[in-house]
Protein backbone atom coordinates (compact mmCIF):
# COMPACT_ATOMS: atom_id res chain seq x y z
CA MET A 1 11.36 15.55 -17.62
CA ASP A 2 10.78 16.21 -13.93
CA ASN A 3 13.97 14.72 -11.87
CA ARG A 4 12.14 15.57 -8.47
CA PRO A 5 11.26 12.43 -6.22
CA ILE A 6 8.16 10.69 -6.02
CA GLY A 7 6.79 10.82 -2.52
CA PHE A 8 5.47 7.44 -1.11
CA PHE A 9 3.90 7.17 2.48
CA ASP A 10 2.18 4.39 4.64
CA SER A 11 1.07 3.94 8.17
CA GLY A 12 4.33 1.81 8.45
CA LEU A 13 6.31 -0.72 6.76
CA GLY A 14 3.61 -1.88 4.06
CA GLY A 15 3.86 0.90 1.43
CA LEU A 16 7.39 -0.63 0.92
CA THR A 17 6.05 -3.36 -1.52
CA SER A 18 4.95 -0.75 -4.23
CA ILE A 19 8.87 0.22 -4.23
CA PRO A 20 10.50 -2.75 -6.08
CA ASN A 21 7.91 -2.39 -8.62
CA LEU A 22 8.53 1.16 -9.44
CA PHE A 23 12.14 0.29 -9.57
CA GLN A 24 11.28 -2.42 -12.29
CA LYS A 25 9.02 -0.65 -14.53
CA LEU A 26 10.57 3.10 -13.96
CA PRO A 27 14.16 2.46 -13.11
CA ASN A 28 14.88 6.19 -13.57
CA GLU A 29 12.70 7.49 -10.91
CA ARG A 30 14.05 8.36 -7.16
CA VAL A 31 11.94 8.16 -4.10
CA ILE A 32 11.51 9.62 -0.81
CA TYR A 33 9.12 7.17 1.50
CA PHE A 34 7.94 7.89 5.06
CA GLY A 35 6.63 5.10 6.94
CA ASP A 36 4.74 6.30 10.41
CA THR A 37 6.23 3.43 12.45
CA ALA A 38 5.81 5.28 15.79
CA ARG A 39 2.13 5.41 15.38
CA THR A 40 1.08 2.27 13.38
CA PRO A 41 -1.39 0.53 13.07
CA TYR A 42 -4.00 3.01 11.36
CA GLY A 43 -6.67 0.35 10.55
CA SER A 44 -7.98 0.79 14.32
CA LYS A 45 -7.96 4.39 14.79
CA ALA A 46 -10.44 6.82 14.21
CA VAL A 47 -10.84 8.36 10.72
CA SER A 48 -10.10 11.96 12.12
CA THR A 49 -6.96 11.06 13.72
CA ILE A 50 -5.82 9.01 10.08
CA ARG A 51 -6.74 12.27 8.44
CA GLN A 52 -4.62 14.32 10.78
CA TYR A 53 -1.95 12.03 10.74
CA SER A 54 -1.84 11.58 6.94
CA MET A 55 -2.18 15.80 6.43
CA GLN A 56 1.24 15.99 8.52
CA ILE A 57 3.29 13.35 6.47
CA ALA A 58 1.67 14.94 2.84
CA ASP A 59 2.88 18.28 4.37
CA PHE A 60 6.56 16.90 4.99
CA LEU A 61 6.58 15.56 1.72
CA VAL A 62 5.32 18.64 -0.09
CA SER A 63 8.07 20.56 1.84
CA LYS A 64 10.87 17.81 -0.15
CA ASP A 65 9.87 18.84 -3.43
CA VAL A 66 8.32 15.87 -4.59
CA LYS A 67 6.66 15.81 -7.97
CA MET A 68 3.77 13.48 -7.14
CA ILE A 69 2.56 11.68 -3.75
CA VAL A 70 1.33 7.99 -3.72
CA ILE A 71 -0.81 7.01 -0.64
CA ALA A 72 0.73 3.52 -0.56
CA CYS A 73 -1.90 2.64 2.17
CA ASN A 74 -5.31 1.49 1.82
CA THR A 75 -6.76 2.97 5.04
CA ILE A 76 -5.33 6.50 3.90
CA SER A 77 -6.52 5.88 0.46
CA ALA A 78 -10.39 4.99 2.11
CA THR A 79 -10.88 7.74 4.37
CA CYS A 80 -8.83 10.72 3.14
CA LEU A 81 -7.68 10.89 -0.34
CA ASP A 82 -10.18 13.65 -1.31
CA GLU A 83 -9.14 15.83 1.51
CA LEU A 84 -5.56 15.41 0.52
CA ARG A 85 -6.28 16.29 -3.35
CA ASP A 86 -8.31 19.71 -1.91
CA LYS A 87 -5.42 20.78 0.63
CA PHE A 88 -2.54 20.07 -2.29
CA PRO A 89 -4.43 20.74 -5.75
CA ASP A 90 -1.18 21.43 -7.73
CA ILE A 91 0.54 17.83 -7.18
CA PRO A 92 -0.99 14.60 -8.13
CA ILE A 93 -1.95 12.45 -5.55
CA LEU A 94 -2.64 8.91 -6.03
CA GLY A 95 -4.67 6.53 -4.22
CA ILE A 96 -4.15 2.60 -4.26
CA ILE A 97 -7.65 1.26 -4.18
CA SER A 98 -8.99 2.62 -7.65
CA PRO A 99 -6.35 0.66 -9.72
CA ALA A 100 -6.54 -2.42 -7.97
CA ALA A 101 -10.56 -2.45 -8.62
CA ARG A 102 -10.21 -1.80 -12.34
CA LYS A 103 -7.98 -4.47 -11.98
CA VAL A 104 -10.24 -6.81 -10.58
CA ALA A 105 -13.30 -5.84 -12.89
CA LYS A 106 -10.77 -6.59 -15.84
CA VAL A 107 -10.03 -9.90 -15.22
CA CYS A 108 -13.18 -11.18 -13.41
CA THR A 109 -16.63 -12.23 -14.15
CA GLN A 110 -19.94 -13.40 -12.35
CA GLU A 111 -18.41 -16.55 -12.07
CA ASN A 112 -15.72 -15.56 -9.64
CA ASN A 113 -15.97 -14.71 -5.81
CA ILE A 114 -14.06 -12.12 -5.07
CA GLY A 115 -12.83 -11.72 -1.48
CA ILE A 116 -11.35 -8.53 -0.12
CA ILE A 117 -9.10 -8.69 3.21
CA ALA A 118 -7.73 -5.19 4.94
CA THR A 119 -8.02 -3.11 8.00
CA LYS A 120 -10.84 -2.42 10.10
CA VAL A 121 -11.15 1.15 8.57
CA THR A 122 -10.92 -0.05 4.86
CA THR A 123 -13.29 -2.64 5.18
CA GLN A 124 -16.06 -0.63 7.10
CA SER A 125 -15.62 2.12 4.45
CA GLY A 126 -16.53 0.09 1.97
CA ALA A 127 -14.47 1.74 -0.59
CA TYR A 128 -13.35 -1.70 -2.23
CA ARG A 129 -16.76 -2.84 -2.82
CA GLU A 130 -17.66 0.51 -4.01
CA ARG A 131 -14.60 1.25 -6.85
CA ILE A 132 -14.92 -2.58 -7.65
CA ARG A 133 -19.05 -2.26 -8.74
CA ASP A 134 -18.40 1.20 -10.20
CA PHE A 135 -16.41 -0.63 -12.69
CA ASN A 136 -18.66 -3.92 -12.92
CA GLU A 137 -21.66 -3.48 -10.49
CA GLU A 138 -22.49 -7.19 -10.86
CA LEU A 139 -19.14 -9.11 -9.55
CA ASN A 140 -19.50 -10.60 -6.25
CA VAL A 141 -17.66 -8.92 -3.60
CA PHE A 142 -16.91 -10.23 -0.12
CA ASP A 143 -14.87 -8.50 2.33
CA MET A 144 -13.41 -9.23 5.82
CA ALA A 145 -11.12 -7.21 8.40
CA THR A 146 -8.06 -9.06 9.47
CA PRO A 147 -6.32 -6.55 12.16
CA ALA A 148 -3.90 -8.84 13.41
CA PHE A 149 -1.74 -9.17 9.99
CA VAL A 150 -0.39 -5.42 10.56
CA PRO A 151 1.27 -5.79 14.05
CA LEU A 152 2.55 -9.17 13.47
CA ILE A 153 4.22 -7.99 9.95
CA GLU A 154 5.56 -4.89 11.69
CA GLU A 155 7.52 -7.04 14.26
CA GLY A 156 8.86 -9.48 11.65
CA ILE A 157 6.57 -12.37 12.55
CA ILE A 158 6.18 -13.51 9.06
CA GLU A 159 7.62 -16.77 8.21
CA ASN A 160 6.39 -18.84 11.25
CA GLU A 161 3.65 -20.90 12.35
CA ILE A 162 1.87 -17.99 14.40
CA MET A 163 1.58 -16.07 11.56
CA ASP A 164 -0.03 -19.27 9.41
CA LEU A 165 -2.40 -19.96 12.47
CA THR A 166 -3.88 -16.13 12.37
CA ILE A 167 -3.97 -16.58 8.59
CA ARG A 168 -6.38 -19.65 9.18
CA TYR A 169 -8.06 -18.25 12.00
CA TYR A 170 -9.66 -15.21 9.74
CA MET A 171 -9.77 -16.64 6.30
CA ASP A 172 -10.79 -20.75 6.18
CA ASP A 173 -14.04 -20.09 7.12
CA PHE A 174 -14.09 -16.52 5.24
CA ILE A 175 -12.75 -18.81 2.14
CA LYS A 176 -14.75 -21.43 2.25
CA ASN A 177 -18.40 -19.84 3.33
CA ASN A 178 -18.29 -17.51 0.66
CA LYS A 179 -16.54 -19.90 -2.13
CA ILE A 180 -13.60 -17.42 -2.90
CA ASP A 181 -11.46 -17.77 -5.73
CA THR A 182 -9.72 -14.30 -6.29
CA LEU A 183 -8.26 -12.31 -2.97
CA VAL A 184 -7.35 -8.94 -3.03
CA LEU A 185 -4.47 -8.05 -0.62
CA GLY A 186 -6.32 -4.73 0.69
CA CYS A 187 -3.36 -3.68 2.64
CA THR A 188 -0.11 -2.88 1.43
CA HIS A 189 1.31 -5.19 4.36
CA TYR A 190 -0.39 -8.09 2.80
CA PRO A 191 2.23 -8.73 0.18
CA ILE A 192 4.96 -9.49 2.78
CA ILE A 193 2.67 -12.54 3.67
CA ARG A 194 1.30 -13.24 -0.02
CA LYS A 195 3.64 -16.68 0.12
CA ASN A 196 2.09 -17.59 3.61
CA ILE A 197 -1.48 -17.41 1.99
CA GLU A 198 -0.27 -19.31 -1.25
CA LYS A 199 0.77 -22.20 0.76
CA ILE A 200 -2.47 -22.56 2.71
CA TYR A 201 -4.47 -21.69 -0.09
CA PRO A 202 -3.08 -22.52 -3.42
CA GLY A 203 -6.07 -22.07 -5.89
CA LEU A 204 -6.38 -18.41 -5.06
CA ASN A 205 -5.68 -16.00 -7.97
CA ILE A 206 -4.60 -13.09 -5.64
CA ILE A 207 -4.53 -9.27 -7.10
CA ASN A 208 -1.79 -6.81 -5.34
CA PRO A 209 -3.04 -3.28 -5.19
CA SER A 210 0.54 -2.46 -4.51
CA TYR A 211 1.90 -3.97 -7.91
CA GLU A 212 -1.09 -2.14 -9.95
CA ILE A 213 -0.78 1.46 -8.24
CA ILE A 214 2.66 1.81 -10.13
CA ASN A 215 0.73 1.49 -13.43
CA ARG A 216 -1.08 4.50 -12.61
CA VAL A 217 2.25 6.33 -11.57
CA ARG A 218 3.79 5.71 -14.84
CA GLN A 219 0.44 6.39 -16.79
CA ILE A 220 0.00 9.80 -14.98
CA LEU A 221 3.99 10.88 -15.51
CA GLU A 222 3.93 9.83 -18.85
CA ASN A 223 0.93 11.97 -19.72
CA ASP A 224 2.47 15.16 -17.94
CA ASP A 225 5.62 14.61 -19.49
CA ALA A 226 7.07 14.20 -16.00
CA LEU A 227 9.46 11.17 -16.13
CA ALA A 228 12.83 11.42 -15.13
CA ASP A 229 15.69 11.25 -17.37
CA ALA A 230 18.35 8.22 -17.39
CA ASN A 231 21.08 10.83 -15.85
CA ASN A 232 18.85 11.56 -12.76
CA ASP A 233 20.60 10.99 -9.07
CA ARG A 234 18.84 8.43 -7.72
CA GLU A 235 19.28 9.09 -4.05
CA ASN A 236 16.43 7.19 -2.57
CA VAL A 237 15.63 8.27 1.13
CA PHE A 238 13.48 6.24 3.45
CA TYR A 239 12.01 8.00 6.83
CA ALA A 240 10.49 6.72 9.65
CA SER A 241 9.00 8.22 12.45
CA ASP A 242 10.49 5.73 14.77
CA LEU A 243 13.66 4.23 12.97
CA SER A 244 13.89 0.78 14.25
CA GLU A 245 15.36 -2.16 13.49
CA ASN A 246 12.37 -3.79 12.18
CA PHE A 247 12.03 -0.78 9.66
CA SER A 248 15.59 -1.16 8.11
CA ASN A 249 15.38 -5.15 8.17
CA MET A 250 11.96 -4.73 6.33
CA ILE A 251 13.43 -2.53 3.60
CA GLN A 252 16.11 -4.80 3.00
CA LYS A 253 13.88 -7.73 2.63
CA VAL A 254 11.33 -6.26 0.49
CA LEU A 255 14.11 -4.11 -1.66
CA GLU A 256 16.44 -7.00 -1.72
CA THR A 257 19.31 -4.73 -1.01
CA GLU A 258 22.02 -4.00 1.23
CA GLU A 259 22.04 -2.00 4.33
CA SER A 260 24.88 0.09 2.83
CA ASN A 261 22.68 1.18 -0.23
CA LEU A 262 20.04 2.79 1.72
CA ILE A 263 19.79 6.00 3.10
CA LEU A 264 17.52 6.00 6.52
CA LYS A 265 16.47 8.91 8.50
CA PHE A 266 14.28 9.61 11.44
CA LYS A 267 11.40 12.58 11.35
CA ASN A 268 9.67 13.51 14.77
CA LEU A 269 6.58 15.30 13.20
CA ASP A 270 6.37 17.31 16.63
CA LEU A 271 2.56 16.03 17.39
């Protein structure tokens, strides 16, 4: 048994979408989450900058004695996973892309047309295409960058016409021209607009990497005999580099909890 917390981090609010599934599947675990809300979005930044920021956040989480780090960000997983593992060889570090790619390969065949929507950096890296084809090279995979989604979500512009129009702007031709029937939400922010996407494109089979990563978390903790016990003090702490009202509101929205049940903290990483 290991009652230390699990560290999660993301460029902003999106990684929160992994947490409800963790609490459902592993209810004894506790979380330290870091959202880099002051410097989001990462998806249009230089890879060298993303690596610098990611190393700083990982250093912070390791200083909190986490037993595992979950990169709840597709952009960071696509660009920094190997470097983070090299720097912190004694702690399991999980990226979000491989578990989702494994799921795609499991449920899809050559008859499917698989679409991936993600940030510019994730799309340019080709990480999803490569991982999916590692599991099944015969699958039909298409990807597209949708960079405006993250800023809109971070500002809470979700359940309204502006978001729906933005989705249509990016995705109408992408879905139609490639005959997409399976869609991978290749950014952890995107599950927050899943209902919007399902409303506009009701026939899509949607794969959520924020959900799939928790299956891998559980597998590793079980294999390492590192699950928390039932008496664990479940104090979950959420840090942000800019502790805005949006951050607090989004935690409550995604976790479906009240502010009185949250421990929110600000951390300046001294850039």
